[in-house]
Amino acid sequence: MPSREPLGALQIDSAVAAALARLGLCRPGDAPRVTPLAGGVSSDIMRVELPGGPICVKRALAKLKVNADWFAPVERNAAEAAYMRYVSRIVPHAVPRLLGEDRAAGLFAMEYLAPEQYPVWKAQLRDGAISTDTACAVADVLAGTKMVAEGIRTTEAALALAARYGVELPIAAQVGELLAGRTDPNTALCDLMLRPQRAENG
């Protein structure tokens, strides 16, 4: 998430700047440069250049970046921030350090992790760089949190919504197959890796 490749610097959105000022991360009236980060359809993710170094900001979108009119409450960011706080107390190395949260703006700020040091696992899998060591490390982290990031009911609801609107959710579909016992992890991963590449935001 915070280590995605940048797409090009822009002027910061005034709402984001105001939220960062409220969090004490910049001064009121400052207009730091931002670089949008690739990936995701439900949030704006950006690298923000501050005097003390870059940070990453994630802002939930009320309307997702898809052709259909898909809407979601921006308050969902609060749950993600709460989960990051929880995990940081158990396995602090597994999540970026949370720098502040502005629930009114539907965003939170976290430390920026450079992609040279922290490559995105999703991108590695897409490119065929499959490491069992990485998979085992992720499993250890999930086991250590004693929580389920993506539950059975969530998967069922996502697949039902996708079927209703005719949207493909290949990862969720494979998770559903795994949960139902109709496939195994190796087969599911191979099926995903053999899919033709396409843009996420349609």
N, C-alpha and C. Protein backbone atom coordinates (compact mmCIF):
# COMPACT_ATOMS: atom_id res chain seq x y z
N MET A 1 0.83 -1.21 0.00
CA MET A 1 0.00 0.00 0.00
C MET A 1 0.86 1.25 0.00
N PRO A 2 1.64 1.53 1.09
CA PRO A 2 2.39 2.76 1.07
C PRO A 2 3.62 2.71 0.21
N SER A 3 3.94 1.60 -0.43
CA SER A 3 5.16 1.53 -1.22
C SER A 3 4.91 1.40 -2.71
N ARG A 4 3.72 1.75 -3.17
CA ARG A 4 3.43 1.63 -4.60
C ARG A 4 4.22 2.67 -5.38
N GLU A 5 4.47 2.37 -6.63
CA GLU A 5 5.25 3.27 -7.47
C GLU A 5 4.50 4.58 -7.71
N PRO A 6 5.21 5.73 -7.65
CA PRO A 6 4.56 7.02 -7.88
C PRO A 6 4.19 7.22 -9.34
N LEU A 7 3.19 8.07 -9.57
CA LEU A 7 2.70 8.33 -10.93
C LEU A 7 3.05 9.73 -11.44
N GLY A 8 3.53 10.63 -10.57
CA GLY A 8 3.84 11.99 -10.99
C GLY A 8 3.32 13.00 -9.98
N ALA A 9 4.15 14.00 -9.64
CA ALA A 9 3.82 14.94 -8.58
C ALA A 9 2.70 15.90 -8.98
N LEU A 10 1.84 16.26 -8.01
CA LEU A 10 0.74 17.19 -8.21
C LEU A 10 0.67 18.13 -7.01
N GLN A 11 -0.13 19.18 -7.15
CA GLN A 11 -0.41 20.04 -6.01
C GLN A 11 -1.40 19.36 -5.09
N ILE A 12 -1.22 19.53 -3.80
CA ILE A 12 -2.06 18.82 -2.84
C ILE A 12 -3.49 19.35 -2.86
N ASP A 13 -4.45 18.47 -2.66
CA ASP A 13 -5.85 18.83 -2.52
C ASP A 13 -6.02 19.64 -1.24
N SER A 14 -6.80 20.70 -1.29
CA SER A 14 -6.95 21.58 -0.13
C SER A 14 -7.53 20.84 1.08
N ALA A 15 -8.44 19.89 0.84
CA ALA A 15 -9.03 19.14 1.94
C ALA A 15 -8.00 18.25 2.63
N VAL A 16 -7.10 17.66 1.83
CA VAL A 16 -6.04 16.83 2.40
C VAL A 16 -5.07 17.70 3.18
N ALA A 17 -4.72 18.86 2.63
CA ALA A 17 -3.80 19.78 3.31
C ALA A 17 -4.39 20.23 4.64
N ALA A 18 -5.69 20.54 4.65
CA ALA A 18 -6.33 20.98 5.88
C ALA A 18 -6.33 19.86 6.92
N ALA A 19 -6.57 18.63 6.47
CA ALA A 19 -6.57 17.50 7.40
C ALA A 19 -5.18 17.28 7.99
N LEU A 20 -4.14 17.38 7.16
CA LEU A 20 -2.78 17.21 7.65
C LEU A 20 -2.41 18.31 8.65
N ALA A 21 -2.92 19.50 8.41
CA ALA A 21 -2.67 20.60 9.35
C ALA A 21 -3.36 20.31 10.68
N ARG A 22 -4.58 19.80 10.62
CA ARG A 22 -5.29 19.46 11.87
C ARG A 22 -4.56 18.37 12.64
N LEU A 23 -3.89 17.48 11.92
CA LEU A 23 -3.15 16.41 12.56
C LEU A 23 -1.77 16.87 13.05
N GLY A 24 -1.41 18.11 12.73
CA GLY A 24 -0.12 18.63 13.14
C GLY A 24 1.04 18.15 12.30
N LEU A 25 0.74 17.62 11.12
CA LEU A 25 1.79 17.10 10.24
C LEU A 25 2.34 18.16 9.29
N CYS A 26 1.60 19.25 9.13
CA CYS A 26 2.09 20.40 8.37
C CYS A 26 1.43 21.65 8.96
N ARG A 27 1.89 22.81 8.51
CA ARG A 27 1.33 24.05 9.04
C ARG A 27 0.11 24.47 8.23
N PRO A 28 -0.84 25.15 8.87
CA PRO A 28 -2.00 25.66 8.12
C PRO A 28 -1.53 26.55 6.97
N GLY A 29 -2.09 26.33 5.81
CA GLY A 29 -1.71 27.11 4.64
C GLY A 29 -0.61 26.50 3.81
N ASP A 30 0.09 25.49 4.35
CA ASP A 30 1.12 24.81 3.57
C ASP A 30 0.49 24.06 2.40
N ALA A 31 1.23 23.93 1.32
CA ALA A 31 0.75 23.20 0.15
C ALA A 31 1.85 22.25 -0.34
N PRO A 32 2.11 21.19 0.42
CA PRO A 32 3.16 20.26 0.01
C PRO A 32 2.81 19.54 -1.29
N ARG A 33 3.84 19.13 -1.99
CA ARG A 33 3.63 18.39 -3.23
C ARG A 33 3.22 16.96 -2.91
N VAL A 34 2.37 16.41 -3.75
CA VAL A 34 1.93 15.03 -3.56
C VAL A 34 2.15 14.24 -4.85
N THR A 35 2.35 12.95 -4.68
CA THR A 35 2.50 12.04 -5.81
C THR A 35 1.48 10.92 -5.66
N PRO A 36 0.51 10.82 -6.57
CA PRO A 36 -0.45 9.72 -6.48
C PRO A 36 0.27 8.37 -6.61
N LEU A 37 -0.16 7.40 -5.83
CA LEU A 37 0.41 6.06 -5.88
C LEU A 37 -0.57 5.12 -6.56
N ALA A 38 -0.03 4.21 -7.33
CA ALA A 38 -0.87 3.33 -8.14
C ALA A 38 -1.54 2.27 -7.29
N GLY A 39 -2.66 1.77 -7.79
CA GLY A 39 -3.33 0.64 -7.17
C GLY A 39 -4.56 1.04 -6.38
N GLY A 40 -5.56 0.18 -6.42
CA GLY A 40 -6.76 0.41 -5.63
C GLY A 40 -7.81 1.21 -6.38
N VAL A 41 -9.07 0.90 -6.10
CA VAL A 41 -10.18 1.60 -6.74
C VAL A 41 -11.09 2.28 -5.71
N SER A 42 -10.83 2.05 -4.43
CA SER A 42 -11.72 2.58 -3.41
C SER A 42 -11.13 3.73 -2.61
N SER A 43 -9.87 4.08 -2.89
CA SER A 43 -9.20 5.13 -2.12
C SER A 43 -8.23 5.91 -2.99
N ASP A 44 -7.96 7.15 -2.55
CA ASP A 44 -6.83 7.91 -3.07
C ASP A 44 -5.65 7.62 -2.16
N ILE A 45 -4.55 7.15 -2.74
CA ILE A 45 -3.34 6.86 -1.97
C ILE A 45 -2.23 7.73 -2.54
N MET A 46 -1.56 8.48 -1.70
CA MET A 46 -0.60 9.46 -2.18
C MET A 46 0.61 9.57 -1.29
N ARG A 47 1.73 9.88 -1.90
CA ARG A 47 2.95 10.24 -1.18
C ARG A 47 2.95 11.75 -1.03
N VAL A 48 3.13 12.23 0.19
CA VAL A 48 3.12 13.67 0.48
C VAL A 48 4.51 14.07 0.95
N GLU A 49 5.07 15.07 0.29
CA GLU A 49 6.41 15.54 0.64
C GLU A 49 6.34 16.57 1.76
N LEU A 50 6.88 16.24 2.92
CA LEU A 50 6.92 17.15 4.06
C LEU A 50 8.38 17.46 4.39
N PRO A 51 8.63 18.55 5.13
CA PRO A 51 10.02 18.90 5.47
C PRO A 51 10.76 17.76 6.17
N GLY A 52 10.07 16.99 6.99
CA GLY A 52 10.72 15.88 7.69
C GLY A 52 10.86 14.62 6.88
N GLY A 53 10.40 14.65 5.64
CA GLY A 53 10.46 13.47 4.79
C GLY A 53 9.09 13.09 4.28
N PRO A 54 9.00 12.17 3.33
CA PRO A 54 7.71 11.81 2.75
C PRO A 54 6.87 10.96 3.69
N ILE A 55 5.56 11.13 3.57
CA ILE A 55 4.61 10.27 4.28
C ILE A 55 3.61 9.75 3.26
N CYS A 56 2.80 8.80 3.67
CA CYS A 56 1.76 8.25 2.80
C CYS A 56 0.40 8.58 3.39
N VAL A 57 -0.52 9.05 2.56
CA VAL A 57 -1.88 9.37 2.99
C VAL A 57 -2.85 8.51 2.21
N LYS A 58 -3.81 7.94 2.92
CA LYS A 58 -4.86 7.14 2.28
C LYS A 58 -6.20 7.76 2.60
N ARG A 59 -6.93 8.15 1.57
CA ARG A 59 -8.24 8.77 1.74
C ARG A 59 -9.30 7.93 1.05
N ALA A 60 -10.31 7.52 1.82
CA ALA A 60 -11.40 6.72 1.27
C ALA A 60 -12.24 7.55 0.32
N LEU A 61 -12.70 6.92 -0.75
CA LEU A 61 -13.56 7.59 -1.73
C LEU A 61 -15.01 7.16 -1.52
N ALA A 62 -15.91 8.13 -1.60
CA ALA A 62 -17.34 7.81 -1.49
C ALA A 62 -17.81 7.03 -2.72
N LYS A 63 -17.25 7.37 -3.91
CA LYS A 63 -17.57 6.65 -5.14
C LYS A 63 -16.32 5.97 -5.64
N LEU A 64 -16.40 4.67 -5.86
CA LEU A 64 -15.25 3.91 -6.28
C LEU A 64 -14.85 4.24 -7.72
N LYS A 65 -13.59 4.00 -8.04
CA LYS A 65 -13.06 4.31 -9.37
C LYS A 65 -13.39 3.18 -10.36
N VAL A 66 -14.67 2.99 -10.59
CA VAL A 66 -15.15 1.99 -11.55
C VAL A 66 -16.23 2.63 -12.40
N ASN A 67 -16.55 2.00 -13.51
CA ASN A 67 -17.56 2.57 -14.42
C ASN A 67 -18.94 2.61 -13.79
N ALA A 68 -19.29 1.56 -13.04
CA ALA A 68 -20.60 1.53 -12.39
C ALA A 68 -20.62 2.49 -11.21
N ASP A 69 -21.82 2.88 -10.80
CA ASP A 69 -21.96 3.77 -9.64
C ASP A 69 -21.93 2.94 -8.36
N TRP A 70 -20.73 2.71 -7.87
CA TRP A 70 -20.53 1.99 -6.62
C TRP A 70 -20.15 3.00 -5.54
N PHE A 71 -20.90 3.04 -4.46
CA PHE A 71 -20.65 3.99 -3.38
C PHE A 71 -20.38 3.23 -2.09
N ALA A 72 -19.60 3.84 -1.21
CA ALA A 72 -19.29 3.23 0.08
C ALA A 72 -19.01 4.35 1.09
N PRO A 73 -19.37 4.15 2.35
CA PRO A 73 -19.14 5.19 3.36
C PRO A 73 -17.65 5.39 3.62
N VAL A 74 -17.23 6.65 3.67
CA VAL A 74 -15.81 6.94 3.89
C VAL A 74 -15.39 6.60 5.31
N GLU A 75 -16.35 6.39 6.19
CA GLU A 75 -16.01 6.04 7.57
C GLU A 75 -15.29 4.70 7.67
N ARG A 76 -15.28 3.93 6.57
CA ARG A 76 -14.63 2.62 6.60
C ARG A 76 -13.14 2.75 6.89
N ASN A 77 -12.54 3.92 6.58
CA ASN A 77 -11.12 4.11 6.85
C ASN A 77 -10.81 3.99 8.34
N ALA A 78 -11.79 4.34 9.18
CA ALA A 78 -11.58 4.26 10.62
C ALA A 78 -11.32 2.82 11.05
N ALA A 79 -12.02 1.86 10.43
CA ALA A 79 -11.81 0.46 10.76
C ALA A 79 -10.41 0.01 10.34
N GLU A 80 -9.96 0.48 9.19
CA GLU A 80 -8.62 0.11 8.73
C GLU A 80 -7.55 0.69 9.66
N ALA A 81 -7.72 1.94 10.07
CA ALA A 81 -6.77 2.57 10.98
C ALA A 81 -6.76 1.84 12.32
N ALA A 82 -7.94 1.46 12.81
CA ALA A 82 -8.03 0.74 14.08
C ALA A 82 -7.32 -0.61 13.98
N TYR A 83 -7.49 -1.28 12.83
CA TYR A 83 -6.83 -2.58 12.64
C TYR A 83 -5.31 -2.40 12.63
N MET A 84 -4.82 -1.33 11.99
CA MET A 84 -3.38 -1.08 11.96
C MET A 84 -2.84 -0.83 13.36
N ARG A 85 -3.60 -0.11 14.18
CA ARG A 85 -3.17 0.11 15.57
C ARG A 85 -3.10 -1.21 16.33
N TYR A 86 -4.10 -2.04 16.11
CA TYR A 86 -4.14 -3.34 16.79
C TYR A 86 -2.94 -4.20 16.40
N VAL A 87 -2.70 -4.31 15.10
CA VAL A 87 -1.61 -5.14 14.62
C VAL A 87 -0.26 -4.59 15.09
N SER A 88 -0.12 -3.27 15.13
CA SER A 88 1.16 -2.66 15.52
C SER A 88 1.54 -3.01 16.95
N ARG A 89 0.55 -3.32 17.79
CA ARG A 89 0.86 -3.70 19.17
C ARG A 89 1.35 -5.14 19.26
N ILE A 90 1.01 -5.95 18.25
CA ILE A 90 1.34 -7.38 18.30
C ILE A 90 2.56 -7.69 17.42
N VAL A 91 2.50 -7.24 16.18
CA VAL A 91 3.60 -7.45 15.23
C VAL A 91 3.92 -6.10 14.58
N PRO A 92 4.61 -5.22 15.30
CA PRO A 92 4.82 -3.85 14.80
C PRO A 92 5.55 -3.77 13.47
N HIS A 93 6.34 -4.79 13.13
CA HIS A 93 7.07 -4.76 11.87
C HIS A 93 6.18 -5.04 10.67
N ALA A 94 4.92 -5.45 10.91
CA ALA A 94 4.05 -5.92 9.82
C ALA A 94 3.20 -4.82 9.21
N VAL A 95 3.15 -3.65 9.81
CA VAL A 95 2.32 -2.56 9.29
C VAL A 95 3.10 -1.25 9.33
N PRO A 96 2.78 -0.32 8.43
CA PRO A 96 3.41 1.01 8.50
C PRO A 96 2.99 1.71 9.79
N ARG A 97 3.84 2.59 10.28
CA ARG A 97 3.52 3.34 11.50
C ARG A 97 2.45 4.38 11.20
N LEU A 98 1.38 4.35 11.98
CA LEU A 98 0.27 5.29 11.79
C LEU A 98 0.67 6.64 12.39
N LEU A 99 0.56 7.70 11.59
CA LEU A 99 0.98 9.03 12.02
C LEU A 99 -0.18 9.90 12.47
N GLY A 100 -1.37 9.59 12.04
CA GLY A 100 -2.53 10.36 12.43
C GLY A 100 -3.74 9.96 11.62
N GLU A 101 -4.91 10.26 12.17
CA GLU A 101 -6.18 9.91 11.51
C GLU A 101 -7.15 11.07 11.61
N ASP A 102 -7.77 11.42 10.50
CA ASP A 102 -8.80 12.46 10.48
C ASP A 102 -10.09 11.82 9.97
N ARG A 103 -10.95 11.45 10.91
CA ARG A 103 -12.17 10.72 10.51
C ARG A 103 -13.12 11.59 9.73
N ALA A 104 -13.14 12.89 10.02
CA ALA A 104 -14.04 13.79 9.29
C ALA A 104 -13.68 13.83 7.82
N ALA A 105 -12.40 13.74 7.50
CA ALA A 105 -11.94 13.76 6.12
C ALA A 105 -11.86 12.37 5.51
N GLY A 106 -12.08 11.33 6.33
CA GLY A 106 -12.02 9.96 5.82
C GLY A 106 -10.63 9.55 5.39
N LEU A 107 -9.60 10.02 6.12
CA LEU A 107 -8.24 9.68 5.73
C LEU A 107 -7.37 9.41 6.96
N PHE A 108 -6.25 8.76 6.70
CA PHE A 108 -5.23 8.64 7.73
C PHE A 108 -3.86 8.75 7.07
N ALA A 109 -2.87 9.11 7.86
CA ALA A 109 -1.49 9.27 7.39
C ALA A 109 -0.63 8.20 8.04
N MET A 110 0.32 7.68 7.28
CA MET A 110 1.23 6.65 7.80
C MET A 110 2.61 6.88 7.21
N GLU A 111 3.57 6.17 7.75
CA GLU A 111 4.92 6.30 7.21
C GLU A 111 4.97 5.79 5.77
N TYR A 112 5.82 6.41 4.97
CA TYR A 112 5.99 6.00 3.58
C TYR A 112 7.08 4.94 3.51
N LEU A 113 6.78 3.83 2.87
CA LEU A 113 7.74 2.74 2.70
C LEU A 113 8.19 2.71 1.25
N ALA A 114 9.47 2.96 1.03
CA ALA A 114 10.00 3.03 -0.33
C ALA A 114 9.91 1.68 -1.02
N PRO A 115 9.44 1.65 -2.28
CA PRO A 115 9.27 0.37 -2.99
C PRO A 115 10.57 -0.39 -3.20
N GLU A 116 11.70 0.33 -3.17
CA GLU A 116 12.99 -0.37 -3.33
C GLU A 116 13.26 -1.30 -2.14
N GLN A 117 12.76 -0.92 -0.96
CA GLN A 117 12.97 -1.73 0.23
C GLN A 117 11.76 -2.59 0.59
N TYR A 118 10.58 -2.11 0.19
CA TYR A 118 9.34 -2.80 0.54
C TYR A 118 8.49 -3.02 -0.71
N PRO A 119 8.86 -4.00 -1.54
CA PRO A 119 8.08 -4.25 -2.75
C PRO A 119 6.67 -4.74 -2.42
N VAL A 120 5.73 -4.44 -3.31
CA VAL A 120 4.34 -4.85 -3.10
C VAL A 120 4.19 -6.32 -3.48
N TRP A 121 3.70 -7.11 -2.55
CA TRP A 121 3.59 -8.56 -2.79
C TRP A 121 2.66 -8.85 -3.95
N LYS A 122 1.58 -8.10 -4.06
CA LYS A 122 0.63 -8.31 -5.16
C LYS A 122 1.33 -8.15 -6.51
N ALA A 123 2.19 -7.11 -6.61
CA ALA A 123 2.91 -6.88 -7.86
C ALA A 123 3.90 -8.01 -8.14
N GLN A 124 4.55 -8.51 -7.09
CA GLN A 124 5.47 -9.62 -7.28
C GLN A 124 4.74 -10.86 -7.79
N LEU A 125 3.57 -11.16 -7.21
CA LEU A 125 2.80 -12.31 -7.67
C LEU A 125 2.37 -12.14 -9.12
N ARG A 126 1.94 -10.91 -9.46
CA ARG A 126 1.52 -10.63 -10.83
C ARG A 126 2.65 -10.89 -11.81
N ASP A 127 3.88 -10.56 -11.39
CA ASP A 127 5.04 -10.72 -12.26
C ASP A 127 5.65 -12.12 -12.20
N GLY A 128 5.01 -13.02 -11.44
CA GLY A 128 5.50 -14.38 -11.37
C GLY A 128 6.59 -14.62 -10.36
N ALA A 129 6.88 -13.62 -9.50
CA ALA A 129 7.91 -13.78 -8.47
C ALA A 129 7.26 -14.38 -7.23
N ILE A 130 7.18 -15.71 -7.18
CA ILE A 130 6.49 -16.40 -6.11
C ILE A 130 7.51 -16.93 -5.11
N SER A 131 7.40 -16.50 -3.86
CA SER A 131 8.32 -16.90 -2.81
C SER A 131 7.54 -17.56 -1.68
N THR A 132 7.87 -18.82 -1.39
CA THR A 132 7.21 -19.50 -0.28
C THR A 132 7.60 -18.87 1.05
N ASP A 133 8.81 -18.30 1.14
CA ASP A 133 9.23 -17.63 2.37
C ASP A 133 8.33 -16.44 2.67
N THR A 134 7.99 -15.67 1.62
CA THR A 134 7.10 -14.53 1.82
C THR A 134 5.72 -15.00 2.24
N ALA A 135 5.21 -16.02 1.57
CA ALA A 135 3.89 -16.55 1.92
C ALA A 135 3.85 -17.03 3.36
N CYS A 136 4.90 -17.71 3.80
CA CYS A 136 4.96 -18.19 5.18
C CYS A 136 5.03 -17.03 6.16
N ALA A 137 5.77 -15.97 5.79
CA ALA A 137 5.86 -14.81 6.66
C ALA A 137 4.51 -14.13 6.82
N VAL A 138 3.77 -14.03 5.71
CA VAL A 138 2.42 -13.44 5.77
C VAL A 138 1.51 -14.29 6.64
N ALA A 139 1.59 -15.60 6.50
CA ALA A 139 0.77 -16.51 7.31
C ALA A 139 1.09 -16.35 8.79
N ASP A 140 2.38 -16.21 9.12
CA ASP A 140 2.78 -16.04 10.51
C ASP A 140 2.20 -14.75 11.09
N VAL A 141 2.22 -13.68 10.28
CA VAL A 141 1.68 -12.39 10.75
C VAL A 141 0.18 -12.51 10.99
N LEU A 142 -0.54 -13.10 10.04
CA LEU A 142 -1.99 -13.25 10.19
C LEU A 142 -2.33 -14.13 11.39
N ALA A 143 -1.55 -15.17 11.59
CA ALA A 143 -1.80 -16.04 12.74
C ALA A 143 -1.53 -15.29 14.04
N GLY A 144 -0.51 -14.44 14.03
CA GLY A 144 -0.16 -13.69 15.23
C GLY A 144 -1.19 -12.66 15.62
N THR A 145 -1.92 -12.13 14.65
CA THR A 145 -2.92 -11.11 14.97
C THR A 145 -4.18 -11.71 15.57
N LYS A 146 -4.37 -13.03 15.39
CA LYS A 146 -5.57 -13.72 15.89
C LYS A 146 -6.85 -13.09 15.35
N MET A 147 -6.76 -12.53 14.16
CA MET A 147 -7.93 -11.94 13.51
C MET A 147 -7.96 -12.38 12.06
N VAL A 148 -9.12 -12.30 11.42
CA VAL A 148 -9.27 -12.64 10.01
C VAL A 148 -9.46 -11.35 9.23
N ALA A 149 -8.55 -11.06 8.31
CA ALA A 149 -8.63 -9.82 7.55
C ALA A 149 -9.82 -9.84 6.58
N GLU A 150 -10.00 -10.95 5.91
CA GLU A 150 -11.11 -11.08 4.96
C GLU A 150 -11.91 -12.32 5.34
N GLY A 151 -13.09 -12.14 5.89
CA GLY A 151 -13.87 -13.24 6.42
C GLY A 151 -14.73 -13.94 5.40
N ILE A 152 -15.31 -15.04 5.84
CA ILE A 152 -16.16 -15.84 4.97
C ILE A 152 -17.37 -15.03 4.51
N ARG A 153 -18.03 -14.35 5.44
CA ARG A 153 -19.22 -13.58 5.07
C ARG A 153 -18.88 -12.44 4.13
N THR A 154 -17.71 -11.82 4.34
CA THR A 154 -17.30 -10.74 3.46
C THR A 154 -17.12 -11.25 2.03
N THR A 155 -16.48 -12.40 1.90
CA THR A 155 -16.27 -12.99 0.57
C THR A 155 -17.60 -13.31 -0.10
N GLU A 156 -18.50 -13.91 0.64
CA GLU A 156 -19.81 -14.25 0.07
C GLU A 156 -20.56 -13.00 -0.38
N ALA A 157 -20.51 -11.95 0.44
CA ALA A 157 -21.20 -10.71 0.10
C ALA A 157 -20.59 -10.05 -1.12
N ALA A 158 -19.26 -10.06 -1.20
CA ALA A 158 -18.58 -9.45 -2.35
C ALA A 158 -18.92 -10.18 -3.64
N LEU A 159 -18.94 -11.50 -3.59
CA LEU A 159 -19.24 -12.28 -4.79
C LEU A 159 -20.69 -12.10 -5.22
N ALA A 160 -21.59 -12.00 -4.25
CA ALA A 160 -22.99 -11.78 -4.59
C ALA A 160 -23.19 -10.42 -5.25
N LEU A 161 -22.50 -9.40 -4.72
CA LEU A 161 -22.60 -8.06 -5.30
C LEU A 161 -21.99 -8.03 -6.70
N ALA A 162 -20.87 -8.72 -6.87
CA ALA A 162 -20.22 -8.77 -8.18
C ALA A 162 -21.12 -9.45 -9.21
N ALA A 163 -21.77 -10.53 -8.80
CA ALA A 163 -22.68 -11.23 -9.72
C ALA A 163 -23.86 -10.35 -10.10
N ARG A 164 -24.32 -9.59 -9.14
CA ARG A 164 -25.48 -8.71 -9.39
C ARG A 164 -25.15 -7.65 -10.44
N TYR A 165 -23.93 -7.10 -10.39
CA TYR A 165 -23.56 -6.02 -11.29
C TYR A 165 -22.68 -6.48 -12.46
N GLY A 166 -22.44 -7.78 -12.56
CA GLY A 166 -21.66 -8.30 -13.67
C GLY A 166 -20.21 -7.88 -13.65
N VAL A 167 -19.60 -7.85 -12.45
CA VAL A 167 -18.21 -7.43 -12.29
C VAL A 167 -17.37 -8.65 -11.91
N GLU A 168 -16.19 -8.76 -12.50
CA GLU A 168 -15.29 -9.86 -12.19
C GLU A 168 -14.48 -9.54 -10.94
N LEU A 169 -14.42 -10.50 -10.01
CA LEU A 169 -13.58 -10.39 -8.82
C LEU A 169 -12.75 -11.68 -8.72
N PRO A 170 -11.71 -11.78 -9.54
CA PRO A 170 -10.98 -13.05 -9.62
C PRO A 170 -10.36 -13.51 -8.31
N ILE A 171 -9.80 -12.58 -7.53
CA ILE A 171 -9.18 -12.99 -6.26
C ILE A 171 -10.24 -13.46 -5.28
N ALA A 172 -11.31 -12.66 -5.15
CA ALA A 172 -12.40 -13.05 -4.25
C ALA A 172 -13.01 -14.38 -4.69
N ALA A 173 -13.10 -14.59 -6.00
CA ALA A 173 -13.67 -15.84 -6.50
C ALA A 173 -12.82 -17.04 -6.08
N GLN A 174 -11.49 -16.88 -6.16
CA GLN A 174 -10.62 -17.98 -5.75
C GLN A 174 -10.67 -18.20 -4.24
N VAL A 175 -10.78 -17.09 -3.48
CA VAL A 175 -10.94 -17.23 -2.03
C VAL A 175 -12.23 -17.99 -1.72
N GLY A 176 -13.30 -17.67 -2.44
CA GLY A 176 -14.56 -18.38 -2.25
C GLY A 176 -14.43 -19.86 -2.55
N GLU A 177 -13.70 -20.19 -3.61
CA GLU A 177 -13.49 -21.59 -3.96
C GLU A 177 -12.68 -22.31 -2.87
N LEU A 178 -11.69 -21.60 -2.31
CA LEU A 178 -10.89 -22.18 -1.23
C LEU A 178 -11.75 -22.44 0.01
N LEU A 179 -12.55 -21.45 0.36
CA LEU A 179 -13.39 -21.58 1.55
C LEU A 179 -14.41 -22.70 1.40
N ALA A 180 -14.85 -22.92 0.15
CA ALA A 180 -15.84 -23.98 -0.10
C ALA A 180 -15.19 -25.35 -0.28
N GLY A 181 -13.85 -25.39 -0.29
CA GLY A 181 -13.15 -26.66 -0.45
C GLY A 181 -13.12 -27.18 -1.86
N ARG A 182 -13.38 -26.30 -2.84
CA ARG A 182 -13.41 -26.74 -4.24
C ARG A 182 -12.08 -26.57 -4.95
N THR A 183 -11.08 -26.01 -4.26
CA THR A 183 -9.75 -25.87 -4.84
C THR A 183 -8.74 -25.87 -3.71
N ASP A 184 -7.46 -25.84 -4.06
CA ASP A 184 -6.40 -25.77 -3.06
C ASP A 184 -5.56 -24.53 -3.32
N PRO A 185 -4.75 -24.07 -2.36
CA PRO A 185 -4.00 -22.83 -2.54
C PRO A 185 -3.12 -22.80 -3.77
N ASN A 186 -2.41 -23.89 -4.07
CA ASN A 186 -1.52 -23.90 -5.23
C ASN A 186 -2.29 -23.73 -6.54
N THR A 187 -3.41 -24.44 -6.66
CA THR A 187 -4.22 -24.34 -7.87
C THR A 187 -4.82 -22.95 -8.00
N ALA A 188 -5.31 -22.42 -6.89
CA ALA A 188 -5.90 -21.07 -6.92
C ALA A 188 -4.88 -20.04 -7.35
N LEU A 189 -3.67 -20.12 -6.82
CA LEU A 189 -2.62 -19.17 -7.17
C LEU A 189 -2.24 -19.29 -8.64
N CYS A 190 -2.12 -20.53 -9.13
CA CYS A 190 -1.79 -20.73 -10.55
C CYS A 190 -2.87 -20.17 -11.46
N ASP A 191 -4.13 -20.40 -11.10
CA ASP A 191 -5.24 -19.88 -11.90
C ASP A 191 -5.19 -18.35 -11.98
N LEU A 192 -4.86 -17.72 -10.86
CA LEU A 192 -4.77 -16.25 -10.85
C LEU A 192 -3.60 -15.76 -11.69
N MET A 193 -2.46 -16.43 -11.58
CA MET A 193 -1.27 -16.00 -12.30
C MET A 193 -1.40 -16.18 -13.81
N LEU A 194 -2.26 -17.12 -14.22
CA LEU A 194 -2.42 -17.39 -15.65
C LEU A 194 -3.47 -16.49 -16.31
N ARG A 195 -4.15 -15.68 -15.50
CA ARG A 195 -5.14 -14.75 -16.07
C ARG A 195 -4.44 -13.67 -16.88
N PRO A 196 -5.03 -13.23 -18.00
CA PRO A 196 -4.43 -12.12 -18.76
C PRO A 196 -4.48 -10.84 -17.95
N GLN A 197 -3.43 -10.01 -18.07
CA GLN A 197 -3.36 -8.76 -17.33
C GLN A 197 -4.37 -7.77 -17.90
N ARG A 198 -4.92 -6.92 -17.01
CA ARG A 198 -5.86 -5.88 -17.44
C ARG A 198 -5.85 -4.78 -16.39
N ALA A 199 -6.34 -3.61 -16.77
CA ALA A 199 -6.39 -2.48 -15.85
C ALA A 199 -7.39 -2.76 -14.74
N GLU A 200 -7.09 -2.27 -13.51
CA GLU A 200 -7.96 -2.53 -12.36
C GLU A 200 -9.20 -1.67 -12.37
N ASN A 201 -9.05 -0.40 -12.81
CA ASN A 201 -10.17 0.54 -12.63
C ASN A 201 -11.10 0.62 -13.84
N GLY A 202 -10.87 -0.24 -14.81
CA GLY A 202 -11.80 -0.39 -15.94
C GLY A 202 -12.09 0.88 -16.68
